[in-house]
Structure formats: C-alpha cells, structure tokens
Amino acid sequence: MTLGAWANSFVYSPMPEIPVSSLDPRVQKQIENSQIALQRGNLDYVLDVTTQVLKTAPGCLPVRRLQRVAQLRQLGSKNKLFAKAFGSVTQAGFLFGGGKKDPSKGLETAEKMLASDPTSVPALKLLAEAALALDMPETVVFAWEAIHELVPADREALLNYGEACLIAKRPKDALRAADELLKLKPQDGDALSLMRKAAIAQTTEKGNWDEKGSFRDKLKDETQATMLEQAAKIVTSDEMTQKLIDEALVRLKAQPDNLNHFRSIVDGYKKLGKLEDALVYVRQARALPSGAADTTLAKQESELQTSILEKRIKDLEVQVAQSPGNTELGAALAKAKLDFAATQLAEAKAYAERYPNDYAARYTLANLYFESGDHQNAIANYQQAQKNPKVRIQALAGMGKALKARKMFDLAVAQFQTAKSELPLMDDLKKDVIYQLAECYEGMGKKTEAIAEYKIIYSEDIGFRDVADKINAFYSAA
C-alpha cells in the first residue's frame, strides 16, 4: 500500500512537531550536552537522554535524528547478524496495522524496535505509519528517507518517500524522488503522477509568496525551518567547538602531560581555522617526553606549517593582484614562496634521514633540491630513487635534467636514453624525455642526432612545445 492510500485511511490524532527551542531550557541543555557526548563517543549518554526526551516530546525531530546517529554508531560495535534478518521493505507486512488503532502505541513499538536494531526496515515503516497518523509529516519523511538509505533500490520506499515529501510540503524533494524513480523505470505511472503533483505543489508554493499579507508569515516559516535544520545538525558549531577547546584547556591544566588533551585542543583550533594556535599546542605536545617520539604529532606539525605558509602565499597573491605596483607586497610574496620551499626541503630531508630506504621519498627530496638549484644533491637522491620501481623512470629523467643543468651532457644523454627505452607509450613523459635528449645533443653540437629525436616527437605530436619550429627551421636551412 502506498503512502497516499495510508493517509486516506487514517483518523488523525495530532501530535505537533516542535523545534528544540520550544523545549524546557533544562532539556535543551541536556540535548546540547548530548551533542558534545556524541563527539566524544559517549553513546550511552546520548541514547539515554534522547529516549527520555522523545517520551515527552515525540514530535521533536532534531532529537530523533540525534538518537538515530547514536544508534547507528553503536550498532557498528555490535553483532549485526540480527539486524540483517530484516532486509526488505516488502518482508514485514505482518507488523503493520496496529498503529491505526493506537498510533501512539505504534510509535512506541517502533522506537523499541529501532533501539534494538536501527537498520530494521519494518520498524522504520511502523514509525512512518504511526507518525502519519499522529500528523507528524517531517517525521514521516525522516522514516522513509532512512528506509531509502537502507534499501536504495526499493521502488516502494522511494515512492513513499516522495509522497511523504508532498505531505510535508517539500515539493522540491518530491520532484527529486520522482526523477530518481523515472530513471529506474521511465514509464512508471506512479512516478509520473508524483512528478505532476509535486510540480503543481511547487508552483502553488511559489504563488503563495505573492498573496497579500503572507510575506511575513512565509518568512517566519522559513526562519523556523532553518532553525529546525540547524538544531538537527550533529556537526558542532563554532561556539560548541570553542566550548570543547575551553574544556580541554581546563583538563590540560589538571593533567599537563596528557597528550589527548593537546590533541583535542589542536583539533578544535583546526576546525576553527586558527592554524597558528593549533601549531603552538602541537609544538608544546612535542616538547613533552611522551610527545617527542609521537610520529602523528610530528606529521601534524609538518602539515600545519605547510598549511600556514600556503595560506600566507594565497593571501599575498590576492593582495599583489589588487596592488600590482606595490613592491613591498611583491617582495613579501617572493619571501613567502622561498620560506615555503625551504620548509618543504627541510621536512623532506629530515624524513629521508629517518627513513633512508624510502626511495619514493628520495625522489621527492631530489625534486625539491632540483627546484632550489642544488643540482649536486638532486643527482645523488635521484640515483637512490631509481631503486623504487614506481618512480624509477621519473628518477632517470630527473637525474638527466640535473646533469643537463650542470652541462654534463654526455652523462645526461645516458640517463635519457635509458628512460626512453623503458617507456612503452608515447605519452607526455616520453615526449619530454626525448625533447630533453635532443637538447643535450644540441648542447654537444650533434645537430643530426638532435633533429632525429625531434622528428620522433614531430611524427606523434606536431604541437608539442616548439618541435614544429625546429623541424621547419631544419628543412628551411637544408
């Protein structure tokens, strides 16, 4: 039976849906603490609070959403065998019908089932039926949306989700559901009907904005809807993130050697975008005996340093673009880029010293040396990097470029020839290797050998760099 048929068969016992802001202030505080507890993994507390709140305010959808997140996370640590026994929307028709006589009892039954198994499709279906009878349209949408997430290929679930969106006066979501149904079956009559109804509802909704005296009411409804959505979000706001940081700072004073408190503070500052503050506490943590050998902290410090420098460069680039004639800004940008390159080089060098057999890291270090103009050290690290099969050819090409930069053309030719022979496809890398090889021949005064290499590229890609010009000049001279 479709949702539309259900809706016509029920005698409604209204139970209004309410935002968190309408609850008792003490209850609001409990919900706020539950959101914090969820971030900390204290799922039992979240489930206890949300269960109690829903007993007295079953129409508070943000609390129900919070409860479901906690239930699903808790399920991840339990045996899912029982949950998988309920796998299809069509398997549990025997459970339904009782909610029509007493929808409040049906709601209670659904909640108990979901507490045992939040992936139970029959339980969610019962929740939708009871919520519809209690005139809780957003909760109906919530239930069918959860079913659709569990069984995305189930047509009935998607159709009922779309009809629930219509009842909840969400025509845009109903249209999306209809569109998804039509992708599964282009001539689906129910889907076409849903699309027509949703389109009409959307047009009517837009027209209501123009009705006399309705603007403020509409604006008020939009504001309330936004508040409801904000309350439903599990991701902490900036204010809550700051609160978590403050709490961690208090705990850190009591336990100054606890690295977990440092991590909480650092993570909080990163979420707020306060990278410099996060870096301060990472360095404090690394100064502790327990933090000195912590590789995750070392990596975090490196990432923060890089992010701070990248942000500084981007900010300066914007300022330079706005004031192109400002020499001070230009100098500051140049220095920031040098600092960034120096930091990357220092970090790569330190890593290679700690892990000398990581030859891929040697390749990264060699590239940084090459970019800095230190070709001697670049050559040494390219040699080591060739031991890693994944970067061997790139390392050969890199070493050839470094030797070429030092005008050691004969040695560079050997590297490029090896790389050329090991590259099976004429891709951009092979074209570059051949081009570099040709330039080495030119540097050695071997024009015949050089033009032979340029011709190889020309026959494959006439538009590669200035190969066409070189070939044309050669034949013109001839």
Protein backbone atom coordinates (compact mmCIF):
# COMPACT_ATOMS: atom_id res chain seq x y z
CA MET A 1 0.00 0.00 0.00
CA THR A 2 1.31 3.41 -0.91
CA LEU A 3 1.58 6.31 1.50
CA GLY A 4 -1.26 8.11 -0.24
CA ALA A 5 -3.60 5.19 0.44
CA TRP A 6 -2.50 5.07 4.08
CA ALA A 7 -3.11 8.77 4.50
CA ASN A 8 -6.71 8.43 3.34
CA SER A 9 -7.43 5.55 5.74
CA PHE A 10 -6.28 7.17 8.99
CA VAL A 11 -8.16 9.06 11.67
CA TYR A 12 -5.64 11.67 12.77
CA SER A 13 -4.68 12.30 16.39
CA PRO A 14 -2.45 15.37 16.04
CA MET A 15 0.89 15.43 17.85
CA PRO A 16 2.69 18.57 16.67
CA GLU A 17 6.30 18.55 15.58
CA ILE A 18 8.37 21.04 17.56
CA PRO A 19 11.87 22.53 17.43
CA VAL A 20 14.41 22.09 20.20
CA SER A 21 14.00 25.76 21.12
CA SER A 22 10.45 25.11 22.32
CA LEU A 23 11.56 22.59 24.94
CA ASP A 24 12.25 23.35 28.57
CA PRO A 25 15.63 25.14 28.94
CA ARG A 26 16.92 22.31 31.14
CA VAL A 27 16.04 19.80 28.44
CA GLN A 28 17.72 21.99 25.82
CA LYS A 29 20.86 21.90 27.95
CA GLN A 30 20.70 18.11 28.09
CA ILE A 31 20.44 17.94 24.31
CA GLU A 32 23.40 20.27 23.92
CA ASN A 33 25.40 18.04 26.28
CA SER A 34 24.29 15.03 24.23
CA GLN A 35 25.72 16.57 21.08
CA ILE A 36 29.03 17.04 22.89
CA ALA A 37 28.83 13.47 24.23
CA LEU A 38 28.29 12.20 20.69
CA GLN A 39 31.53 13.85 19.58
CA ARG A 40 33.32 12.15 22.47
CA GLY A 41 31.83 8.76 21.74
CA ASN A 42 29.67 8.56 24.87
CA LEU A 43 26.80 6.92 23.02
CA ASP A 44 25.03 5.53 26.08
CA TYR A 45 24.52 9.03 27.45
CA VAL A 46 23.17 10.26 24.10
CA LEU A 47 20.73 7.39 23.83
CA ASP A 48 19.55 7.77 27.42
CA VAL A 49 18.84 11.49 27.05
CA THR A 50 17.20 11.29 23.62
CA THR A 51 15.00 8.37 24.68
CA GLN A 52 13.74 10.30 27.71
CA VAL A 53 13.12 13.48 25.69
CA LEU A 54 11.20 11.63 22.98
CA LYS A 55 8.88 10.11 25.58
CA THR A 56 7.51 13.55 26.37
CA ALA A 57 8.22 15.25 23.03
CA PRO A 58 7.98 12.60 20.28
CA GLY A 59 7.50 15.34 17.70
CA CYS A 60 10.96 16.85 18.24
CA LEU A 61 12.62 15.61 15.08
CA PRO A 62 16.13 17.01 15.77
CA VAL A 63 16.27 14.84 18.89
CA ARG A 64 15.12 11.83 16.90
CA ARG A 65 17.85 12.49 14.33
CA LEU A 66 20.43 12.74 17.10
CA GLN A 67 19.19 9.47 18.55
CA ARG A 68 19.46 7.71 15.19
CA VAL A 69 23.05 8.82 14.67
CA ALA A 70 23.96 7.41 18.07
CA GLN A 71 22.06 4.17 17.41
CA LEU A 72 23.82 3.60 14.09
CA ARG A 73 27.23 4.29 15.61
CA GLN A 74 26.53 1.92 18.46
CA LEU A 75 25.41 -0.75 16.01
CA GLY A 76 28.85 -0.60 14.40
CA SER A 77 30.35 -2.10 17.55
CA LYS A 78 27.71 -4.82 17.95
CA ASN A 79 26.76 -8.04 16.21
CA LYS A 80 24.84 -7.07 13.05
CA LEU A 81 23.52 -10.58 12.37
CA PHE A 82 20.15 -9.87 13.95
CA ALA A 83 19.81 -6.58 12.08
CA LYS A 84 20.43 -8.20 8.70
CA ALA A 85 17.44 -10.50 9.27
CA PHE A 86 15.23 -7.56 8.29
CA GLY A 87 16.42 -6.65 4.83
CA SER A 88 13.49 -5.61 2.65
CA VAL A 89 10.58 -3.24 2.75
CA THR A 90 8.32 -5.96 1.43
CA GLN A 91 9.16 -8.56 4.09
CA ALA A 92 7.24 -7.26 7.07
CA GLY A 93 3.64 -6.57 6.15
CA PHE A 94 2.51 -8.64 9.13
CA LEU A 95 3.82 -5.99 11.52
CA PHE A 96 1.57 -3.21 10.29
CA GLY A 97 -1.97 -2.27 11.07
CA GLY A 98 -1.80 -1.98 14.84
CA GLY A 99 -0.72 1.63 14.55
CA LYS A 100 -4.05 2.60 13.01
CA LYS A 101 -5.97 1.77 16.20
CA ASP A 102 -3.46 3.42 18.53
CA PRO A 103 -0.76 5.35 16.66
CA SER A 104 0.90 6.41 19.93
CA LYS A 105 1.35 2.75 20.80
CA GLY A 106 2.64 2.09 17.29
CA LEU A 107 5.19 4.89 17.70
CA GLU A 108 6.35 3.42 21.00
CA THR A 109 6.68 -0.04 19.46
CA ALA A 110 8.68 1.33 16.53
CA GLU A 111 11.05 3.15 18.89
CA LYS A 112 11.66 -0.02 20.90
CA MET A 113 12.40 -1.98 17.73
CA LEU A 114 14.79 0.67 16.48
CA ALA A 115 16.56 0.72 19.84
CA SER A 116 17.36 -2.96 19.26
CA ASP A 117 18.12 -2.61 15.56
CA PRO A 118 18.22 0.83 13.88
CA THR A 119 18.53 -0.88 10.48
CA SER A 120 15.16 -2.60 10.86
CA VAL A 121 13.10 -1.62 7.84
CA PRO A 122 9.86 -2.92 9.41
CA ALA A 123 10.46 -0.74 12.46
CA LEU A 124 11.04 2.34 10.33
CA LYS A 125 7.94 1.54 8.32
CA LEU A 126 5.92 1.30 11.52
CA LEU A 127 7.41 4.63 12.62
CA ALA A 128 6.28 6.21 9.35
CA GLU A 129 2.75 4.80 9.73
CA ALA A 130 2.40 5.98 13.31
CA ALA A 131 3.87 9.41 12.57
CA LEU A 132 1.45 9.86 9.67
CA ALA A 133 -1.50 9.03 11.93
CA LEU A 134 -0.20 11.50 14.52
CA ASP A 135 0.13 14.27 11.92
CA MET A 136 3.94 14.41 12.12
CA PRO A 137 4.81 14.86 8.40
CA GLU A 138 8.52 15.64 8.83
CA THR A 139 8.93 12.50 10.94
CA VAL A 140 7.25 10.52 8.17
CA VAL A 141 9.79 11.92 5.71
CA PHE A 142 12.58 11.09 8.14
CA ALA A 143 11.43 7.45 8.41
CA TRP A 144 11.05 6.88 4.67
CA GLU A 145 14.33 8.63 3.96
CA ALA A 146 16.04 6.25 6.39
CA ILE A 147 14.39 3.29 4.65
CA HIS A 148 15.51 4.54 1.25
CA GLU A 149 19.09 4.83 2.55
CA LEU A 150 18.95 1.22 3.74
CA VAL A 151 17.34 -0.19 0.58
CA PRO A 152 18.08 2.36 -2.18
CA ALA A 153 16.87 0.04 -4.95
CA ASP A 154 13.42 -0.46 -3.37
CA ARG A 155 10.83 1.32 -5.50
CA GLU A 156 8.14 1.36 -2.80
CA ALA A 157 10.45 3.08 -0.32
CA LEU A 158 11.41 5.78 -2.79
CA LEU A 159 7.81 6.35 -3.90
CA ASN A 160 6.59 6.64 -0.33
CA TYR A 161 9.45 8.99 0.47
CA GLY A 162 8.34 11.23 -2.39
CA GLU A 163 4.69 11.19 -1.26
CA ALA A 164 5.81 11.94 2.30
CA CYS A 165 7.69 14.98 0.99
CA LEU A 166 4.49 16.18 -0.67
CA ILE A 167 2.56 15.86 2.58
CA ALA A 168 5.34 17.73 4.39
CA LYS A 169 5.12 20.49 1.74
CA ARG A 170 8.56 19.77 0.34
CA PRO A 171 7.78 19.61 -3.39
CA LYS A 172 11.41 20.03 -4.48
CA ASP A 173 12.39 16.84 -2.63
CA ALA A 174 9.32 15.09 -4.05
CA LEU A 175 10.41 16.09 -7.56
CA ARG A 176 13.87 14.67 -6.95
CA ALA A 177 12.33 11.39 -5.77
CA ALA A 178 10.11 11.24 -8.86
CA ASP A 179 13.09 11.91 -11.09
CA GLU A 180 15.04 9.10 -9.43
CA LEU A 181 12.09 6.74 -9.90
CA LEU A 182 11.81 7.63 -13.57
CA LYS A 183 15.49 6.88 -14.05
CA LEU A 184 14.80 3.38 -12.76
CA LYS A 185 11.68 3.00 -14.92
CA PRO A 186 10.96 5.78 -17.45
CA GLN A 187 7.24 4.92 -17.85
CA ASP A 188 6.45 4.43 -14.15
CA GLY A 189 2.86 5.69 -13.78
CA ASP A 190 3.15 6.34 -10.04
CA ALA A 191 6.34 8.28 -10.56
CA LEU A 192 4.77 10.39 -13.31
CA SER A 193 1.80 11.09 -11.06
CA LEU A 194 4.14 12.07 -8.22
CA MET A 195 6.03 14.40 -10.54
CA ARG A 196 2.82 16.13 -11.68
CA LYS A 197 1.59 16.61 -8.12
CA ALA A 198 4.97 17.87 -6.98
CA ALA A 199 5.20 20.32 -9.89
CA ILE A 200 1.74 21.70 -9.08
CA ALA A 201 2.62 21.95 -5.39
CA GLN A 202 5.82 23.79 -6.19
CA THR A 203 4.00 26.27 -8.40
CA THR A 204 1.39 26.83 -5.71
CA GLU A 205 4.08 27.30 -3.10
CA LYS A 206 5.79 29.97 -5.20
CA GLY A 207 2.46 31.71 -5.78
CA ASN A 208 1.75 31.89 -2.06
CA TRP A 209 4.61 34.32 -1.67
CA ASP A 210 2.67 36.86 -3.66
CA GLU A 211 -0.52 36.61 -1.61
CA LYS A 212 -1.44 39.70 0.35
CA GLY A 213 -0.26 39.61 3.94
CA SER A 214 1.55 36.29 3.55
CA PHE A 215 5.11 37.56 3.21
CA ARG A 216 5.84 37.84 6.93
CA ASP A 217 4.19 34.50 7.65
CA LYS A 218 6.24 32.86 4.94
CA LEU A 219 9.40 34.47 6.20
CA LYS A 220 8.61 33.27 9.71
CA ASP A 221 8.07 29.72 8.42
CA GLU A 222 11.38 29.82 6.55
CA THR A 223 13.16 31.03 9.68
CA GLN A 224 11.61 28.29 11.79
CA ALA A 225 12.54 25.67 9.20
CA THR A 226 16.11 26.92 9.18
CA MET A 227 16.25 26.79 12.98
CA LEU A 228 14.91 23.25 12.91
CA GLU A 229 17.53 22.17 10.39
CA GLN A 230 20.29 23.89 12.36
CA ALA A 231 19.17 22.14 15.52
CA ALA A 232 19.21 18.81 13.71
CA LYS A 233 22.82 19.13 12.62
CA ILE A 234 25.23 16.95 14.51
CA VAL A 235 28.35 18.77 13.38
CA THR A 236 29.35 21.18 16.11
CA SER A 237 29.08 24.91 15.54
CA ASP A 238 31.97 27.30 16.10
CA GLU A 239 30.56 28.13 19.52
CA MET A 240 30.41 24.49 20.54
CA THR A 241 33.89 23.85 19.12
CA GLN A 242 35.24 26.72 21.21
CA LYS A 243 33.47 25.27 24.25
CA LEU A 244 35.20 21.92 23.67
CA ILE A 245 38.54 23.71 23.38
CA ASP A 246 37.93 25.58 26.65
CA GLU A 247 37.05 22.33 28.41
CA ALA A 248 40.19 20.66 27.08
CA LEU A 249 42.29 23.61 28.27
CA VAL A 250 40.89 23.19 31.77
CA ARG A 251 41.67 19.48 31.71
CA LEU A 252 45.16 20.22 30.42
CA LYS A 253 45.90 22.40 33.45
CA ALA A 254 44.98 19.49 35.69
CA GLN A 255 46.90 16.94 33.56
CA PRO A 256 49.67 18.83 31.71
CA ASP A 257 51.31 15.64 30.43
CA ASN A 258 48.17 14.16 28.84
CA LEU A 259 48.62 14.17 25.06
CA ASN A 260 44.91 13.53 24.47
CA HIS A 261 44.09 16.98 25.86
CA PHE A 262 46.60 18.53 23.48
CA ARG A 263 45.03 16.65 20.56
CA SER A 264 41.55 17.89 21.48
CA ILE A 265 42.79 21.48 21.59
CA VAL A 266 44.65 21.16 18.30
CA ASP A 267 41.69 19.55 16.52
CA GLY A 268 39.41 22.29 17.81
CA TYR A 269 41.64 25.11 16.62
CA LYS A 270 41.99 23.42 13.22
CA LYS A 271 38.18 23.29 12.88
CA LEU A 272 38.03 26.99 13.69
CA GLY A 273 40.74 27.74 11.14
CA LYS A 274 43.11 29.02 13.83
CA LEU A 275 46.13 27.19 12.46
CA GLU A 276 48.75 29.26 14.28
CA ASP A 277 47.12 28.46 17.65
CA ALA A 278 46.93 24.78 16.72
CA LEU A 279 50.64 24.80 15.82
CA VAL A 280 51.52 26.31 19.22
CA TYR A 281 49.89 23.40 21.07
CA VAL A 282 51.32 20.76 18.74
CA ARG A 283 54.80 22.06 19.49
CA GLN A 284 54.07 22.12 23.21
CA ALA A 285 52.95 18.49 22.98
CA ARG A 286 56.09 17.51 21.07
CA ALA A 287 58.23 19.16 23.73
CA LEU A 288 56.96 16.60 26.26
CA PRO A 289 58.92 13.34 26.69
CA SER A 290 55.85 11.35 25.63
CA GLY A 291 55.28 13.54 22.58
CA ALA A 292 58.83 13.70 21.26
CA ALA A 293 58.59 10.26 19.65
CA ASP A 294 54.95 10.57 18.59
CA THR A 295 55.01 10.35 14.78
CA THR A 296 51.40 11.58 14.43
CA LEU A 297 52.29 14.80 16.23
CA ALA A 298 55.35 15.24 14.03
CA LYS A 299 53.22 14.79 10.94
CA GLN A 300 50.61 17.19 12.30
CA GLU A 301 53.23 19.85 12.95
CA SER A 302 54.54 19.49 9.41
CA GLU A 303 51.04 19.72 7.90
CA LEU A 304 50.17 22.79 9.96
CA GLN A 305 53.38 24.56 8.98
CA THR A 306 52.67 23.82 5.32
CA SER A 307 49.04 24.95 5.57
CA ILE A 308 50.02 28.21 7.27
CA LEU A 309 52.62 29.01 4.62
CA GLU A 310 50.23 28.10 1.78
CA LYS A 311 47.57 30.35 3.24
CA ARG A 312 50.09 33.18 3.56
CA ILE A 313 51.10 32.78 -0.08
CA LYS A 314 47.47 32.77 -1.27
CA ASP A 315 46.65 35.87 0.78
CA LEU A 316 49.70 37.71 -0.58
CA GLU A 317 48.88 36.66 -4.15
CA VAL A 318 45.44 38.23 -3.78
CA GLN A 319 46.97 41.43 -2.38
CA VAL A 320 49.57 41.59 -5.16
CA ALA A 321 46.84 41.13 -7.78
CA GLN A 322 44.92 44.01 -6.22
CA SER A 323 48.02 46.22 -5.98
CA PRO A 324 50.36 45.08 -8.79
CA GLY A 325 52.70 48.06 -8.35
CA ASN A 326 53.32 47.51 -4.65
CA THR A 327 56.96 46.41 -4.41
CA GLU A 328 56.71 45.60 -0.69
CA LEU A 329 53.91 43.12 -1.30
CA GLY A 330 55.85 41.62 -4.21
CA ALA A 331 58.90 41.15 -2.00
CA ALA A 332 56.77 39.65 0.77
CA LEU A 333 55.24 37.17 -1.69
CA ALA A 334 58.66 36.18 -3.01
CA LYS A 335 59.94 35.64 0.54
CA ALA A 336 56.85 33.59 1.47
CA LYS A 337 57.46 31.32 -1.51
CA LEU A 338 61.12 30.93 -0.56
CA ASP A 339 60.13 30.12 3.03
CA PHE A 340 57.64 27.57 1.77
CA ALA A 341 60.23 25.90 -0.47
CA ALA A 342 62.81 25.90 2.34
CA THR A 343 60.33 24.36 4.78
CA GLN A 344 59.36 21.64 2.34
CA LEU A 345 63.01 20.88 1.64
CA ALA A 346 63.91 20.72 5.34
CA GLU A 347 60.99 18.40 6.09
CA ALA A 348 61.75 16.12 3.15
CA LYS A 349 65.41 15.97 4.15
CA ALA A 350 64.56 15.11 7.76
CA TYR A 351 62.18 12.40 6.63
CA ALA A 352 64.74 10.87 4.27
CA GLU A 353 67.27 10.81 7.09
CA ARG A 354 64.81 8.98 9.36
CA TYR A 355 63.78 6.54 6.64
CA PRO A 356 66.79 6.17 4.31
CA ASN A 357 65.29 3.18 2.47
CA ASP A 358 62.13 5.02 1.45
CA TYR A 359 63.24 5.61 -2.13
CA ALA A 360 59.99 7.27 -3.17
CA ALA A 361 60.70 9.91 -0.52
CA ARG A 362 64.17 10.26 -2.00
CA TYR A 363 62.55 11.15 -5.32
CA THR A 364 60.50 13.88 -3.65
CA LEU A 365 63.63 15.21 -1.94
CA ALA A 366 65.54 15.16 -5.24
CA ASN A 367 62.83 17.23 -6.93
CA LEU A 368 62.97 19.80 -4.14
CA TYR A 369 66.75 20.02 -4.41
CA PHE A 370 66.43 20.46 -8.17
CA GLU A 371 63.85 23.24 -7.78
CA SER A 372 66.12 25.01 -5.30
CA GLY A 373 69.03 24.88 -7.76
CA ASP A 374 71.07 22.36 -5.75
CA HIS A 375 71.73 20.01 -8.67
CA GLN A 376 74.52 18.04 -6.98
CA ASN A 377 72.26 16.85 -4.14
CA ALA A 378 69.44 16.34 -6.61
CA ILE A 379 71.60 13.92 -8.62
CA ALA A 380 72.57 11.95 -5.50
CA ASN A 381 68.93 11.48 -4.47
CA TYR A 382 67.70 10.71 -7.99
CA GLN A 383 70.27 7.88 -8.04
CA GLN A 384 68.80 6.45 -4.83
CA ALA A 385 65.22 6.92 -6.03
CA GLN A 386 65.86 4.71 -9.07
CA LYS A 387 65.76 1.71 -6.71
CA ASN A 388 61.99 2.16 -6.41
CA PRO A 389 60.29 0.65 -9.49
CA LYS A 390 57.32 3.01 -9.19
CA VAL A 391 59.44 6.14 -9.65
CA ARG A 392 62.43 4.67 -11.48
CA ILE A 393 61.75 6.23 -14.90
CA GLN A 394 60.84 9.62 -13.42
CA ALA A 395 64.05 9.49 -11.39
CA LEU A 396 66.07 8.68 -14.51
CA ALA A 397 64.53 11.69 -16.27
CA GLY A 398 65.09 13.89 -13.22
CA MET A 399 68.72 12.87 -12.97
CA GLY A 400 69.15 13.58 -16.67
CA LYS A 401 67.76 17.10 -16.19
CA ALA A 402 70.05 17.73 -13.21
CA LEU A 403 73.10 16.57 -15.19
CA LYS A 404 71.98 18.66 -18.15
CA ALA A 405 71.66 21.72 -15.88
CA ARG A 406 75.32 21.16 -14.92
CA LYS A 407 76.17 20.84 -18.65
CA MET A 408 77.27 17.23 -18.19
CA PHE A 409 75.58 16.43 -21.48
CA ASP A 410 77.15 13.04 -22.16
CA LEU A 411 76.10 11.72 -18.74
CA ALA A 412 72.63 13.22 -19.17
CA VAL A 413 72.24 11.51 -22.57
CA ALA A 414 72.81 8.13 -20.94
CA GLN A 415 70.00 8.77 -18.44
CA PHE A 416 67.56 10.00 -21.07
CA GLN A 417 68.30 7.11 -23.43
CA THR A 418 67.62 4.60 -20.65
CA ALA A 419 64.39 6.33 -19.71
CA LYS A 420 63.34 6.50 -23.36
CA SER A 421 63.89 2.77 -23.85
CA GLU A 422 61.85 1.87 -20.76
CA LEU A 423 58.82 3.99 -21.67
CA PRO A 424 56.49 1.90 -23.88
CA LEU A 425 53.94 4.61 -24.78
CA MET A 426 54.46 7.97 -26.42
CA ASP A 427 52.88 9.95 -23.57
CA ASP A 428 53.86 13.40 -22.29
CA LEU A 429 56.61 11.94 -20.10
CA LYS A 430 58.26 10.15 -23.02
CA LYS A 431 57.94 13.24 -25.24
CA ASP A 432 59.65 15.30 -22.54
CA VAL A 433 62.44 12.71 -22.17
CA ILE A 434 63.06 12.72 -25.94
CA TYR A 435 62.96 16.53 -26.07
CA GLN A 436 65.50 16.77 -23.22
CA LEU A 437 67.68 14.19 -25.00
CA ALA A 438 67.57 16.25 -28.20
CA GLU A 439 68.57 19.40 -26.31
CA CYS A 440 71.53 17.53 -24.84
CA TYR A 441 72.65 16.58 -28.36
CA GLU A 442 72.33 20.24 -29.34
CA GLY A 443 74.45 21.17 -26.33
CA MET A 444 77.09 18.74 -27.55
CA GLY A 445 76.96 20.18 -31.08
CA LYS A 446 75.38 16.99 -32.51
CA LYS A 447 72.65 18.60 -34.63
CA THR A 448 71.96 15.48 -36.71
CA GLU A 449 71.27 13.36 -33.62
CA ALA A 450 69.18 16.19 -32.13
CA ILE A 451 66.94 16.59 -35.19
CA ALA A 452 66.44 12.82 -35.33
CA GLU A 453 64.96 12.94 -31.82
CA TYR A 454 62.80 15.98 -32.59
CA LYS A 455 61.41 14.14 -35.63
CA ILE A 456 60.22 11.32 -33.39
CA ILE A 457 58.11 13.78 -31.41
CA TYR A 458 57.01 15.64 -34.57
CA SER A 459 55.62 12.45 -36.10
CA GLU A 460 53.48 11.87 -33.00
CA ASP A 461 52.58 15.38 -31.79
CA ILE A 462 53.29 18.34 -34.06
CA GLY A 463 52.07 20.76 -31.40
CA PHE A 464 54.47 19.66 -28.65
CA ARG A 465 56.39 22.73 -27.46
CA ASP A 466 58.44 24.26 -30.30
CA VAL A 467 59.18 21.00 -32.13
CA ALA A 468 57.39 22.18 -35.30
CA ASP A 469 59.53 25.33 -35.39
CA LYS A 470 62.71 23.31 -35.00
CA ILE A 471 61.75 20.89 -37.78
CA ASN A 472 60.70 23.73 -40.11
CA ALA A 473 63.95 25.60 -39.44
CA PHE A 474 65.94 22.46 -40.18
CA TYR A 475 64.33 21.90 -43.57
CA SER A 476 64.48 25.58 -44.44
CA ALA A 477 68.21 25.57 -43.79
CA ALA A 478 68.62 22.38 -45.80
